[in-house]
Amino acid sequence: MPCVRTLLGLLAALAACGAVAFLGYCVYFDRKRRDDPAFKRRLRDKRRAQEKKAKGQGAQLWDPAKNEKLQELFLQEVQMGELWLSRGEHRMGVEHLSNALLVCGQPKELLKVFKHTLPPKVFEMLLHRIPLICQQFEADMNEQEYLEDDPD
């Protein structure tokens, strides 16, 4: 048994030496990386680019003029949907209500309202239309990004 105990002690000592060597390796190369002037410049440039991107997106999301236009579009789509439903044109009504759902700031809450106010058949049609709207929206956004990235 003493032989097994010494073997385990030797393995533990080797594992400890390996861990210390690995930590030393990490500390050495981290210090070398941090002292590199090119690394600091790249890091500074990357942070500035992220700040500019965040500012650009934040301004775009909270633009009051766009927000008012979205509210107007939302109200118009809801009114058009109600008008078509009152005329008995369920397909057209669902199309306009789904557009309203797309531009709504709180779509889950709007769905709850629709569930309580719309006839079950119309609400079911609206639920079936949601995946199609999402696909259409993604396609439109991808096309818009492609047009913005295009240098022509």
Protein backbone atom coordinates (compact mmCIF):
# COMPACT_ATOMS: atom_id res chain seq x y z
CA MET A 1 0.00 0.00 0.00
CA PRO A 2 2.80 2.50 0.61
CA CYS A 3 3.71 2.19 -3.08
CA VAL A 4 0.19 3.24 -4.17
CA ARG A 5 0.23 6.16 -1.76
CA THR A 6 3.56 7.45 -3.12
CA LEU A 7 2.30 7.00 -6.68
CA LEU A 8 -0.83 9.07 -5.90
CA GLY A 9 1.32 11.72 -4.22
CA LEU A 10 3.58 11.84 -7.27
CA LEU A 11 0.56 12.21 -9.60
CA ALA A 12 -0.87 14.98 -7.41
CA ALA A 13 2.47 16.81 -7.45
CA LEU A 14 2.67 16.48 -11.25
CA ALA A 15 -0.89 17.79 -11.62
CA ALA A 16 -0.10 20.74 -9.36
CA CYS A 17 3.07 21.52 -11.33
CA GLY A 18 1.10 21.32 -14.58
CA ALA A 19 -1.56 23.70 -13.26
CA VAL A 20 1.08 26.19 -12.07
CA ALA A 21 2.86 25.98 -15.45
CA PHE A 22 -0.41 26.57 -17.32
CA LEU A 23 -1.31 29.58 -15.14
CA GLY A 24 2.19 30.98 -15.62
CA TYR A 25 1.81 30.55 -19.39
CA CYS A 26 -1.53 32.38 -19.31
CA VAL A 27 -0.20 35.24 -17.20
CA TYR A 28 2.91 35.63 -19.37
CA PHE A 29 1.04 35.85 -22.66
CA ASP A 30 -1.71 38.03 -21.22
CA ARG A 31 0.90 40.53 -20.05
CA LYS A 32 2.66 40.35 -23.41
CA ARG A 33 -0.65 40.95 -25.21
CA ARG A 34 -1.62 43.88 -22.98
CA ASP A 35 1.77 45.58 -23.38
CA ASP A 36 1.51 45.44 -27.18
CA PRO A 37 0.67 48.96 -28.49
CA ALA A 38 -1.11 47.54 -31.54
CA PHE A 39 -3.43 45.56 -29.25
CA LYS A 40 -4.39 48.70 -27.35
CA ARG A 41 -5.05 50.58 -30.59
CA ARG A 42 -7.20 47.78 -32.01
CA LEU A 43 -9.14 47.53 -28.75
CA ARG A 44 -9.73 51.31 -28.68
CA ASP A 45 -10.87 51.32 -32.32
CA LYS A 46 -13.20 48.40 -31.71
CA ARG A 47 -14.80 50.12 -28.71
CA ARG A 48 -15.28 53.36 -30.64
CA ALA A 49 -16.91 51.49 -33.51
CA GLN A 50 -19.28 49.74 -31.09
CA GLU A 51 -20.19 53.08 -29.45
CA LYS A 52 -20.94 54.66 -32.83
CA LYS A 53 -23.04 51.68 -33.84
CA ALA A 54 -24.95 51.74 -30.55
CA LYS A 55 -25.60 55.47 -30.84
CA GLY A 56 -26.81 55.07 -34.41
CA GLN A 57 -29.20 52.25 -33.47
CA GLY A 58 -30.44 54.06 -30.37
CA ALA A 59 -31.24 57.19 -32.32
CA GLN A 60 -33.00 55.13 -34.94
CA LEU A 61 -35.15 53.27 -32.42
CA TRP A 62 -36.24 56.31 -30.42
CA ASP A 63 -36.84 58.79 -33.22
CA PRO A 64 -40.12 60.52 -32.23
CA ALA A 65 -41.10 61.23 -35.84
CA LYS A 66 -40.81 57.54 -36.71
CA ASN A 67 -42.66 56.60 -33.54
CA GLU A 68 -45.58 58.87 -34.45
CA LYS A 69 -45.68 57.46 -37.97
CA LEU A 70 -45.75 53.93 -36.57
CA GLN A 71 -48.60 54.85 -34.24
CA GLU A 72 -50.55 56.36 -37.12
CA LEU A 73 -49.92 53.29 -39.25
CA PHE A 74 -50.98 51.03 -36.39
CA LEU A 75 -54.25 52.90 -35.83
CA GLN A 76 -54.95 53.03 -39.56
CA GLU A 77 -54.41 49.27 -39.95
CA VAL A 78 -56.64 48.48 -36.96
CA GLN A 79 -59.39 50.72 -38.33
CA MET A 80 -59.11 49.19 -41.80
CA GLY A 81 -59.22 45.71 -40.28
CA GLU A 82 -62.34 46.56 -38.29
CA LEU A 83 -63.94 48.07 -41.38
CA TRP A 84 -63.31 44.99 -43.51
CA LEU A 85 -64.52 42.68 -40.73
CA SER A 86 -67.72 44.69 -40.34
CA ARG A 87 -68.31 44.29 -44.08
CA GLY A 88 -67.87 40.52 -43.78
CA GLU A 89 -64.52 40.40 -45.61
CA HIS A 90 -62.62 38.31 -43.07
CA ARG A 91 -59.54 37.74 -45.24
CA MET A 92 -58.94 41.45 -45.83
CA GLY A 93 -59.70 42.26 -42.20
CA VAL A 94 -57.20 39.67 -40.98
CA GLU A 95 -54.59 41.04 -43.39
CA HIS A 96 -54.91 44.55 -41.97
CA LEU A 97 -55.02 43.33 -38.36
CA SER A 98 -51.86 41.30 -38.96
CA ASN A 99 -50.16 44.41 -40.34
CA ALA A 100 -51.20 46.23 -37.17
CA LEU A 101 -49.77 43.38 -35.14
CA LEU A 102 -46.49 43.73 -37.03
CA VAL A 103 -45.99 47.40 -36.16
CA CYS A 104 -47.40 47.13 -32.64
CA GLY A 105 -45.02 47.77 -29.76
CA GLN A 106 -46.62 45.07 -27.59
CA PRO A 107 -47.88 42.30 -29.90
CA LYS A 108 -48.63 39.84 -27.08
CA GLU A 109 -50.99 42.28 -25.41
CA LEU A 110 -52.66 43.06 -28.73
CA LEU A 111 -53.17 39.34 -29.36
CA LYS A 112 -54.87 39.04 -25.98
CA VAL A 113 -57.21 41.89 -26.92
CA PHE A 114 -57.90 40.31 -30.31
CA LYS A 115 -58.62 36.96 -28.64
CA HIS A 116 -61.36 38.52 -26.54
CA THR A 117 -62.84 40.82 -29.17
CA LEU A 118 -62.64 38.87 -32.45
CA PRO A 119 -64.80 35.90 -33.40
CA PRO A 120 -62.95 32.60 -32.87
CA LYS A 121 -62.82 31.87 -36.62
CA VAL A 122 -61.24 35.25 -37.41
CA PHE A 123 -58.79 34.98 -34.50
CA GLU A 124 -57.72 31.55 -35.75
CA MET A 125 -57.17 33.00 -39.24
CA LEU A 126 -55.03 35.72 -37.65
CA LEU A 127 -52.94 33.16 -35.76
CA HIS A 128 -52.31 31.23 -38.98
CA ARG A 129 -51.20 34.44 -40.68
CA ILE A 130 -48.56 35.35 -38.06
CA PRO A 131 -45.74 33.08 -39.39
CA LEU A 132 -46.31 34.42 -42.90
CA ILE A 133 -46.03 37.99 -41.62
CA CYS A 134 -42.79 37.20 -39.82
CA GLN A 135 -41.29 35.66 -42.97
CA GLN A 136 -42.36 38.64 -45.05
CA PHE A 137 -40.94 41.06 -42.49
CA GLU A 138 -37.59 39.22 -42.40
CA ALA A 139 -37.42 39.20 -46.18
CA ASP A 140 -38.16 42.93 -46.30
CA MET A 141 -35.50 43.66 -43.68
CA ASN A 142 -32.91 41.54 -45.50
CA GLU A 143 -33.70 43.34 -48.75
CA GLN A 144 -33.40 46.71 -47.03
CA GLU A 145 -30.01 45.75 -45.52
CA TYR A 146 -28.86 44.55 -48.94
CA LEU A 147 -29.86 47.85 -50.53
CA GLU A 148 -28.12 49.84 -47.78
CA ASP A 149 -24.91 47.79 -48.16
CA ASP A 150 -24.93 48.10 -51.96
CA PRO A 151 -22.37 50.76 -53.00
CA ASP A 152 -24.25 51.69 -56.21
